[in-house]
Amino acid sequence: MTLDELPLGHDARIASVDWAALVPEEAQRLRALGFDEGAQVRLAYRGVFLGRDPLAIEIGRMTVALRRIHARAMQVEELAA
């Protein structure tokens, strides 16, 4: 599943990222924030309007707002509760 499909409040590990689907500057910034293969993430918030943007992703001790298009480029494996 992709990061934007992760159920709210669930933990997951990033399995792969389609870096080619992202603008190079955006990909570089996401890497700098720790969004890379093996990182543990949690979906903390999903927007309430039509596009369901933004998503709030907890990664490490940070909470980062992401657009769905960026989250869609990340394949995740849900972790056992």
PDB file of N, CA and C in Angstrom:
ATOM      1  N   MET A   1       0.844  -1.169   0.000  1.00  0.00           N
ATOM      2  CA  MET A   1       0.000   0.000   0.000  1.00  0.00           C
ATOM      3  C   MET A   1       0.890   1.233   0.000  1.00  0.00           C
ATOM      4  N   THR A   2       0.332   2.344  -0.419  1.00  0.00           N
ATOM      5  CA  THR A   2       1.091   3.591  -0.406  1.00  0.00           C
ATOM      6  C   THR A   2       0.824   4.327   0.903  1.00  0.00           C
ATOM      7  N   LEU A   3       1.683   5.268   1.222  1.00  0.00           N
ATOM      8  CA  LEU A   3       1.585   5.981   2.490  1.00  0.00           C
ATOM      9  C   LEU A   3       0.245   6.697   2.629  1.00  0.00           C
ATOM     10  N   ASP A   4      -0.307   7.215   1.548  1.00  0.00           N
ATOM     11  CA  ASP A   4      -1.593   7.910   1.648  1.00  0.00           C
ATOM     12  C   ASP A   4      -2.756   6.956   1.906  1.00  0.00           C
ATOM     13  N   GLU A   5      -2.563   5.651   1.713  1.00  0.00           N
ATOM     14  CA  GLU A   5      -3.607   4.652   1.968  1.00  0.00           C
ATOM     15  C   GLU A   5      -3.528   4.062   3.378  1.00  0.00           C
ATOM     16  N   LEU A   6      -2.487   4.381   4.110  1.00  0.00           N
ATOM     17  CA  LEU A   6      -2.295   3.852   5.460  1.00  0.00           C
ATOM     18  C   LEU A   6      -3.446   4.314   6.353  1.00  0.00           C
ATOM     19  N   PRO A   7      -4.032   3.405   7.141  1.00  0.00           N
ATOM     20  CA  PRO A   7      -5.103   3.821   8.053  1.00  0.00           C
ATOM     21  C   PRO A   7      -4.589   4.823   9.092  1.00  0.00           C
ATOM     22  N   LEU A   8      -5.442   5.739   9.456  1.00  0.00           N
ATOM     23  CA  LEU A   8      -5.112   6.778  10.422  1.00  0.00           C
ATOM     24  C   LEU A   8      -4.645   6.175  11.745  1.00  0.00           C
ATOM     25  N   GLY A   9      -3.516   6.654  12.253  1.00  0.00           N
ATOM     26  CA  GLY A   9      -2.987   6.200  13.531  1.00  0.00           C
ATOM     27  C   GLY A   9      -2.167   4.927  13.474  1.00  0.00           C
ATOM     28  N   HIS A  10      -2.006   4.336  12.287  1.00  0.00           N
ATOM     29  CA  HIS A  10      -1.248   3.092  12.160  1.00  0.00           C
ATOM     30  C   HIS A  10       0.217   3.373  11.853  1.00  0.00           C
ATOM     31  N   ASP A  11       1.078   2.481  12.352  1.00  0.00           N
ATOM     32  CA  ASP A  11       2.517   2.570  12.106  1.00  0.00           C
ATOM     33  C   ASP A  11       2.888   1.747  10.885  1.00  0.00           C
ATOM     34  N   ALA A  12       3.899   2.212  10.168  1.00  0.00           N
ATOM     35  CA  ALA A  12       4.376   1.489   8.988  1.00  0.00           C
ATOM     36  C   ALA A  12       5.856   1.777   8.793  1.00  0.00           C
ATOM     37  N   ARG A  13       6.469   0.979   7.952  1.00  0.00           N
ATOM     38  CA  ARG A  13       7.862   1.171   7.560  1.00  0.00           C
ATOM     39  C   ARG A  13       7.864   1.437   6.058  1.00  0.00           C
ATOM     40  N   ILE A  14       8.644   2.420   5.629  1.00  0.00           N
ATOM     41  CA  ILE A  14       8.735   2.727   4.201  1.00  0.00           C
ATOM     42  C   ILE A  14       9.521   1.613   3.524  1.00  0.00           C
ATOM     43  N   ALA A  15       8.878   0.931   2.582  1.00  0.00           N
ATOM     44  CA  ALA A  15       9.505  -0.182   1.866  1.00  0.00           C
ATOM     45  C   ALA A  15      10.261   0.310   0.640  1.00  0.00           C
ATOM     46  N   SER A  16       9.689   1.281  -0.064  1.00  0.00           N
ATOM     47  CA  SER A  16      10.348   1.826  -1.251  1.00  0.00           C
ATOM     48  C   SER A  16       9.760   3.196  -1.564  1.00  0.00           C
ATOM     49  N   VAL A  17      10.539   3.979  -2.283  1.00  0.00           N
ATOM     50  CA  VAL A  17      10.101   5.310  -2.700  1.00  0.00           C
ATOM     51  C   VAL A  17      10.373   5.440  -4.187  1.00  0.00           C
ATOM     52  N   ASP A  18       9.374   5.895  -4.932  1.00  0.00           N
ATOM     53  CA  ASP A  18       9.523   6.137  -6.364  1.00  0.00           C
ATOM     54  C   ASP A  18      10.055   7.560  -6.547  1.00  0.00           C
ATOM     55  N   TRP A  19      11.366   7.703  -6.380  1.00  0.00           N
ATOM     56  CA  TRP A  19      11.975   9.036  -6.455  1.00  0.00           C
ATOM     57  C   TRP A  19      11.768   9.682  -7.817  1.00  0.00           C
ATOM     58  N   ALA A  20      11.650   8.888  -8.875  1.00  0.00           N
ATOM     59  CA  ALA A  20      11.464   9.428 -10.223  1.00  0.00           C
ATOM     60  C   ALA A  20      10.110  10.117 -10.375  1.00  0.00           C
ATOM     61  N   ALA A  21       9.146   9.775  -9.518  1.00  0.00           N
ATOM     62  CA  ALA A  21       7.815  10.379  -9.593  1.00  0.00           C
ATOM     63  C   ALA A  21       7.780  11.765  -8.947  1.00  0.00           C
ATOM     64  N   LEU A  22       8.862  12.151  -8.289  1.00  0.00           N
ATOM     65  CA  LEU A  22       8.913  13.425  -7.580  1.00  0.00           C
ATOM     66  C   LEU A  22       9.858  14.397  -8.274  1.00  0.00           C
ATOM     67  N   VAL A  23       9.588  15.676  -8.110  1.00  0.00           N
ATOM     68  CA  VAL A  23      10.494  16.716  -8.595  1.00  0.00           C
ATOM     69  C   VAL A  23      11.801  16.564  -7.810  1.00  0.00           C
ATOM     70  N   PRO A  24      12.964  16.654  -8.466  1.00  0.00           N
ATOM     71  CA  PRO A  24      14.238  16.423  -7.771  1.00  0.00           C
ATOM     72  C   PRO A  24      14.413  17.222  -6.476  1.00  0.00           C
ATOM     73  N   GLU A  25      13.997  18.483  -6.472  1.00  0.00           N
ATOM     74  CA  GLU A  25      14.141  19.297  -5.265  1.00  0.00           C
ATOM     75  C   GLU A  25      13.256  18.769  -4.140  1.00  0.00           C
ATOM     76  N   GLU A  26      12.045  18.309  -4.493  1.00  0.00           N
ATOM     77  CA  GLU A  26      11.140  17.740  -3.484  1.00  0.00           C
ATOM     78  C   GLU A  26      11.710  16.435  -2.944  1.00  0.00           C
ATOM     79  N   ALA A  27      12.248  15.610  -3.826  1.00  0.00           N
ATOM     80  CA  ALA A  27      12.840  14.338  -3.410  1.00  0.00           C
ATOM     81  C   ALA A  27      14.007  14.586  -2.454  1.00  0.00           C
ATOM     82  N   GLN A  28      14.840  15.563  -2.770  1.00  0.00           N
ATOM     83  CA  GLN A  28      15.983  15.891  -1.913  1.00  0.00           C
ATOM     84  C   GLN A  28      15.511  16.351  -0.536  1.00  0.00           C
ATOM     85  N   ARG A  29      14.474  17.166  -0.495  1.00  0.00           N
ATOM     86  CA  ARG A  29      13.948  17.670   0.783  1.00  0.00           C
ATOM     87  C   ARG A  29      13.349  16.532   1.610  1.00  0.00           C
ATOM     88  N   LEU A  30      12.605  15.629   0.962  1.00  0.00           N
ATOM     89  CA  LEU A  30      12.016  14.494   1.681  1.00  0.00           C
ATOM     90  C   LEU A  30      13.100  13.589   2.259  1.00  0.00           C
ATOM     91  N   ARG A  31      14.154  13.373   1.493  1.00  0.00           N
ATOM     92  CA  ARG A  31      15.284  12.579   2.007  1.00  0.00           C
ATOM     93  C   ARG A  31      15.916  13.260   3.214  1.00  0.00           C
ATOM     94  N   ALA A  32      16.075  14.577   3.139  1.00  0.00           N
ATOM     95  CA  ALA A  32      16.677  15.323   4.249  1.00  0.00           C
ATOM     96  C   ALA A  32      15.820  15.235   5.510  1.00  0.00           C
ATOM     97  N   LEU A  33      14.508  15.084   5.339  1.00  0.00           N
ATOM     98  CA  LEU A  33      13.600  14.950   6.479  1.00  0.00           C
ATOM     99  C   LEU A  33      13.533  13.522   7.007  1.00  0.00           C
ATOM    100  N   GLY A  34      14.177  12.585   6.299  1.00  0.00           N
ATOM    101  CA  GLY A  34      14.215  11.204   6.770  1.00  0.00           C
ATOM    102  C   GLY A  34      13.287  10.249   6.055  1.00  0.00           C
ATOM    103  N   PHE A  35      12.579  10.714   5.031  1.00  0.00           N
ATOM    104  CA  PHE A  35      11.679   9.846   4.273  1.00  0.00           C
ATOM    105  C   PHE A  35      12.496   9.019   3.292  1.00  0.00           C
ATOM    106  N   ASP A  36      12.934   7.864   3.745  1.00  0.00           N
ATOM    107  CA  ASP A  36      13.735   6.967   2.923  1.00  0.00           C
ATOM    108  C   ASP A  36      13.392   5.537   3.302  1.00  0.00           C
ATOM    109  N   GLU A  37      13.830   4.594   2.497  1.00  0.00           N
ATOM    110  CA  GLU A  37      13.547   3.190   2.760  1.00  0.00           C
ATOM    111  C   GLU A  37      13.975   2.814   4.177  1.00  0.00           C
ATOM    112  N   GLY A  38      13.102   2.105   4.884  1.00  0.00           N
ATOM    113  CA  GLY A  38      13.398   1.647   6.231  1.00  0.00           C
ATOM    114  C   GLY A  38      12.905   2.559   7.338  1.00  0.00           C
ATOM    115  N   ALA A  39      12.530   3.785   7.018  1.00  0.00           N
ATOM    116  CA  ALA A  39      12.067   4.723   8.049  1.00  0.00           C
ATOM    117  C   ALA A  39      10.694   4.311   8.568  1.00  0.00           C
ATOM    118  N   GLN A  40      10.504   4.463   9.873  1.00  0.00           N
ATOM    119  CA  GLN A  40       9.205   4.157  10.474  1.00  0.00           C
ATOM    120  C   GLN A  40       8.369   5.432  10.500  1.00  0.00           C
ATOM    121  N   VAL A  41       7.107   5.317  10.069  1.00  0.00           N
ATOM    122  CA  VAL A  41       6.208   6.463   9.977  1.00  0.00           C
ATOM    123  C   VAL A  41       4.851   6.108  10.577  1.00  0.00           C
ATOM    124  N   ARG A  42       4.078   7.144  10.868  1.00  0.00           N
ATOM    125  CA  ARG A  42       2.700   6.965  11.348  1.00  0.00           C
ATOM    126  C   ARG A  42       1.846   8.060  10.719  1.00  0.00           C
ATOM    127  N   LEU A  43       0.672   7.687  10.223  1.00  0.00           N
ATOM    128  CA  LEU A  43      -0.254   8.679   9.690  1.00  0.00           C
ATOM    129  C   LEU A  43      -1.033   9.271  10.859  1.00  0.00           C
ATOM    130  N   ALA A  44      -0.779  10.546  11.165  1.00  0.00           N
ATOM    131  CA  ALA A  44      -1.371  11.195  12.332  1.00  0.00           C
ATOM    132  C   ALA A  44      -2.632  11.982  11.992  1.00  0.00           C
ATOM    133  N   TYR A  45      -2.753  12.461  10.752  1.00  0.00           N
ATOM    134  CA  TYR A  45      -3.880  13.314  10.380  1.00  0.00           C
ATOM    135  C   TYR A  45      -4.079  13.245   8.879  1.00  0.00           C
ATOM    136  N   ARG A  46      -5.340  13.291   8.479  1.00  0.00           N
ATOM    137  CA  ARG A  46      -5.693  13.350   7.058  1.00  0.00           C
ATOM    138  C   ARG A  46      -6.636  14.534   6.901  1.00  0.00           C
ATOM    139  N   GLY A  47      -6.373  15.389   5.922  1.00  0.00           N
ATOM    140  CA  GLY A  47      -7.212  16.563   5.691  1.00  0.00           C
ATOM    141  C   GLY A  47      -8.680  16.198   5.518  1.00  0.00           C
ATOM    142  N   VAL A  48      -9.556  17.176   5.737  1.00  0.00           N
ATOM    143  CA  VAL A  48     -10.991  16.901   5.727  1.00  0.00           C
ATOM    144  C   VAL A  48     -11.690  17.324   4.437  1.00  0.00           C
ATOM    145  N   PHE A  49     -11.038  18.076   3.589  1.00  0.00           N
ATOM    146  CA  PHE A  49     -11.692  18.534   2.368  1.00  0.00           C
ATOM    147  C   PHE A  49     -11.531  17.531   1.244  1.00  0.00           C
ATOM    148  N   LEU A  50     -12.059  17.851   0.086  1.00  0.00           N
ATOM    149  CA  LEU A  50     -12.148  16.920  -1.045  1.00  0.00           C
ATOM    150  C   LEU A  50     -10.856  16.184  -1.362  1.00  0.00           C
ATOM    151  N   GLY A  51      -9.750  16.893  -1.455  1.00  0.00           N
ATOM    152  CA  GLY A  51      -8.490  16.248  -1.799  1.00  0.00           C
ATOM    153  C   GLY A  51      -7.858  15.487  -0.650  1.00  0.00           C
ATOM    154  N   ARG A  52      -8.425  15.633   0.556  1.00  0.00           N
ATOM    155  CA  ARG A  52      -7.910  14.991   1.771  1.00  0.00           C
ATOM    156  C   ARG A  52      -6.457  15.398   2.036  1.00  0.00           C
ATOM    157  N   ASP A  53      -6.105  16.610   1.615  1.00  0.00           N
ATOM    158  CA  ASP A  53      -4.780  17.176   1.857  1.00  0.00           C
ATOM    159  C   ASP A  53      -4.864  18.171   3.001  1.00  0.00           C
ATOM    160  N   PRO A  54      -3.817  18.393   3.741  1.00  0.00           N
ATOM    161  CA  PRO A  54      -2.564  17.643   3.731  1.00  0.00           C
ATOM    162  C   PRO A  54      -2.660  16.420   4.637  1.00  0.00           C
ATOM    163  N   LEU A  55      -1.625  15.613   4.593  1.00  0.00           N
ATOM    164  CA  LEU A  55      -1.470  14.491   5.510  1.00  0.00           C
ATOM    165  C   LEU A  55      -0.409  14.893   6.524  1.00  0.00           C
ATOM    166  N   ALA A  56      -0.622  14.563   7.785  1.00  0.00           N
ATOM    167  CA  ALA A  56       0.402  14.784   8.809  1.00  0.00           C
ATOM    168  C   ALA A  56       1.041  13.435   9.092  1.00  0.00           C
ATOM    169  N   ILE A  57       2.335  13.340   8.842  1.00  0.00           N
ATOM    170  CA  ILE A  57       3.084  12.104   9.011  1.00  0.00           C
ATOM    171  C   ILE A  57       4.076  12.284  10.150  1.00  0.00           C
ATOM    172  N   GLU A  58       4.015  11.379  11.123  1.00  0.00           N
ATOM    173  CA  GLU A  58       5.006  11.381  12.198  1.00  0.00           C
ATOM    174  C   GLU A  58       6.176  10.519  11.755  1.00  0.00           C
ATOM    175  N   ILE A  59       7.367  11.099  11.801  1.00  0.00           N
ATOM    176  CA  ILE A  59       8.587  10.383  11.441  1.00  0.00           C
ATOM    177  C   ILE A  59       9.650  10.791  12.456  1.00  0.00           C
ATOM    178  N   GLY A  60      10.143   9.834  13.203  1.00  0.00           N
ATOM    179  CA  GLY A  60      11.045  10.163  14.302  1.00  0.00           C
ATOM    180  C   GLY A  60      10.309  11.004  15.324  1.00  0.00           C
ATOM    181  N   ARG A  61      10.900  12.116  15.715  1.00  0.00           N
ATOM    182  CA  ARG A  61      10.262  13.016  16.682  1.00  0.00           C
ATOM    183  C   ARG A  61       9.587  14.193  15.996  1.00  0.00           C
ATOM    184  N   MET A  62       9.457  14.135  14.671  1.00  0.00           N
ATOM    185  CA  MET A  62       8.856  15.229  13.908  1.00  0.00           C
ATOM    186  C   MET A  62       7.472  14.841  13.412  1.00  0.00           C
ATOM    187  N   THR A  63       6.663  15.854  13.169  1.00  0.00           N
ATOM    188  CA  THR A  63       5.420  15.685  12.428  1.00  0.00           C
ATOM    189  C   THR A  63       5.549  16.569  11.199  1.00  0.00           C
ATOM    190  N   VAL A  64       5.398  15.953  10.018  1.00  0.00           N
ATOM    191  CA  VAL A  64       5.620  16.646   8.758  1.00  0.00           C
ATOM    192  C   VAL A  64       4.333  16.623   7.947  1.00  0.00           C
ATOM    193  N   ALA A  65       3.943  17.766   7.391  1.00  0.00           N
ATOM    194  CA  ALA A  65       2.780  17.836   6.511  1.00  0.00           C
ATOM    195  C   ALA A  65       3.222  17.482   5.093  1.00  0.00           C
ATOM    196  N   LEU A  66       2.522  16.525   4.497  1.00  0.00           N
ATOM    197  CA  LEU A  66       2.827  16.095   3.128  1.00  0.00           C
ATOM    198  C   LEU A  66       1.590  16.190   2.257  1.00  0.00           C
ATOM    199  N   ARG A  67       1.789  16.485   1.005  1.00  0.00           N
ATOM    200  CA  ARG A  67       0.703  16.379   0.031  1.00  0.00           C
ATOM    201  C   ARG A  67       0.500  14.911  -0.297  1.00  0.00           C
ATOM    202  N   ARG A  68      -0.715  14.563  -0.667  1.00  0.00           N
ATOM    203  CA  ARG A  68      -1.024  13.173  -1.034  1.00  0.00           C
ATOM    204  C   ARG A  68      -0.154  12.704  -2.197  1.00  0.00           C
ATOM    205  N   ILE A  69       0.134  13.582  -3.140  1.00  0.00           N
ATOM    206  CA  ILE A  69       0.940  13.195  -4.308  1.00  0.00           C
ATOM    207  C   ILE A  69       2.318  12.696  -3.869  1.00  0.00           C
ATOM    208  N   HIS A  70       2.880  13.300  -2.823  1.00  0.00           N
ATOM    209  CA  HIS A  70       4.183  12.865  -2.317  1.00  0.00           C
ATOM    210  C   HIS A  70       4.048  11.550  -1.561  1.00  0.00           C
ATOM    211  N   ALA A  71       3.002  11.426  -0.755  1.00  0.00           N
ATOM    212  CA  ALA A  71       2.779  10.192   0.008  1.00  0.00           C
ATOM    213  C   ALA A  71       2.491   9.017  -0.925  1.00  0.00           C
ATOM    214  N   ARG A  72       1.881   9.296  -2.060  1.00  0.00           N
ATOM    215  CA  ARG A  72       1.552   8.248  -3.030  1.00  0.00           C
ATOM    216  C   ARG A  72       2.803   7.647  -3.667  1.00  0.00           C
ATOM    217  N   ALA A  73       3.919   8.336  -3.605  1.00  0.00           N
ATOM    218  CA  ALA A  73       5.167   7.830  -4.187  1.00  0.00           C
ATOM    219  C   ALA A  73       5.889   6.872  -3.242  1.00  0.00           C
ATOM    220  N   MET A  74       5.349   6.683  -2.027  1.00  0.00           N
ATOM    221  CA  MET A  74       6.009   5.844  -1.018  1.00  0.00           C
ATOM    222  C   MET A  74       5.198   4.588  -0.737  1.00  0.00           C
ATOM    223  N   GLN A  75       5.825   3.438  -0.961  1.00  0.00           N
ATOM    224  CA  GLN A  75       5.218   2.152  -0.612  1.00  0.00           C
ATOM    225  C   GLN A  75       5.577   1.846   0.835  1.00  0.00           C
ATOM    226  N   VAL A  76       4.571   1.433   1.624  1.00  0.00           N
ATOM    227  CA  VAL A  76       4.814   1.138   3.035  1.00  0.00           C
ATOM    228  C   VAL A  76       4.316  -0.255   3.390  1.00  0.00           C
ATOM    229  N   GLU A  77       4.899  -0.795   4.448  1.00  0.00           N
ATOM    230  CA  GLU A  77       4.463  -2.071   5.022  1.00  0.00           C
ATOM    231  C   GLU A  77       3.960  -1.763   6.420  1.00  0.00           C
ATOM    232  N   GLU A  78       2.690  -2.067   6.667  1.00  0.00           N
ATOM    233  CA  GLU A  78       2.109  -1.795   7.975  1.00  0.00           C
ATOM    234  C   GLU A  78       2.773  -2.674   9.029  1.00  0.00           C
ATOM    235  N   LEU A  79       3.058  -2.079  10.191  1.00  0.00           N
ATOM    236  CA  LEU A  79       3.677  -2.806  11.295  1.00  0.00           C
ATOM    237  C   LEU A  79       2.598  -3.353  12.220  1.00  0.00           C
ATOM    238  N   ALA A  80       2.876  -4.482  12.840  1.00  0.00           N
ATOM    239  CA  ALA A  80       1.925  -5.085  13.775  1.00  0.00           C
ATOM    240  C   ALA A  80       1.706  -4.152  14.960  1.00  0.00           C
ATOM    241  N   ALA A  81       0.483  -4.106  15.427  1.00  0.00           N
ATOM    242  CA  ALA A  81       0.127  -3.200  16.535  1.00  0.00           C
ATOM    243  C   ALA A  81       0.686  -3.652  17.859  1.00  0.00           C
TER     244      ALA A  81
END
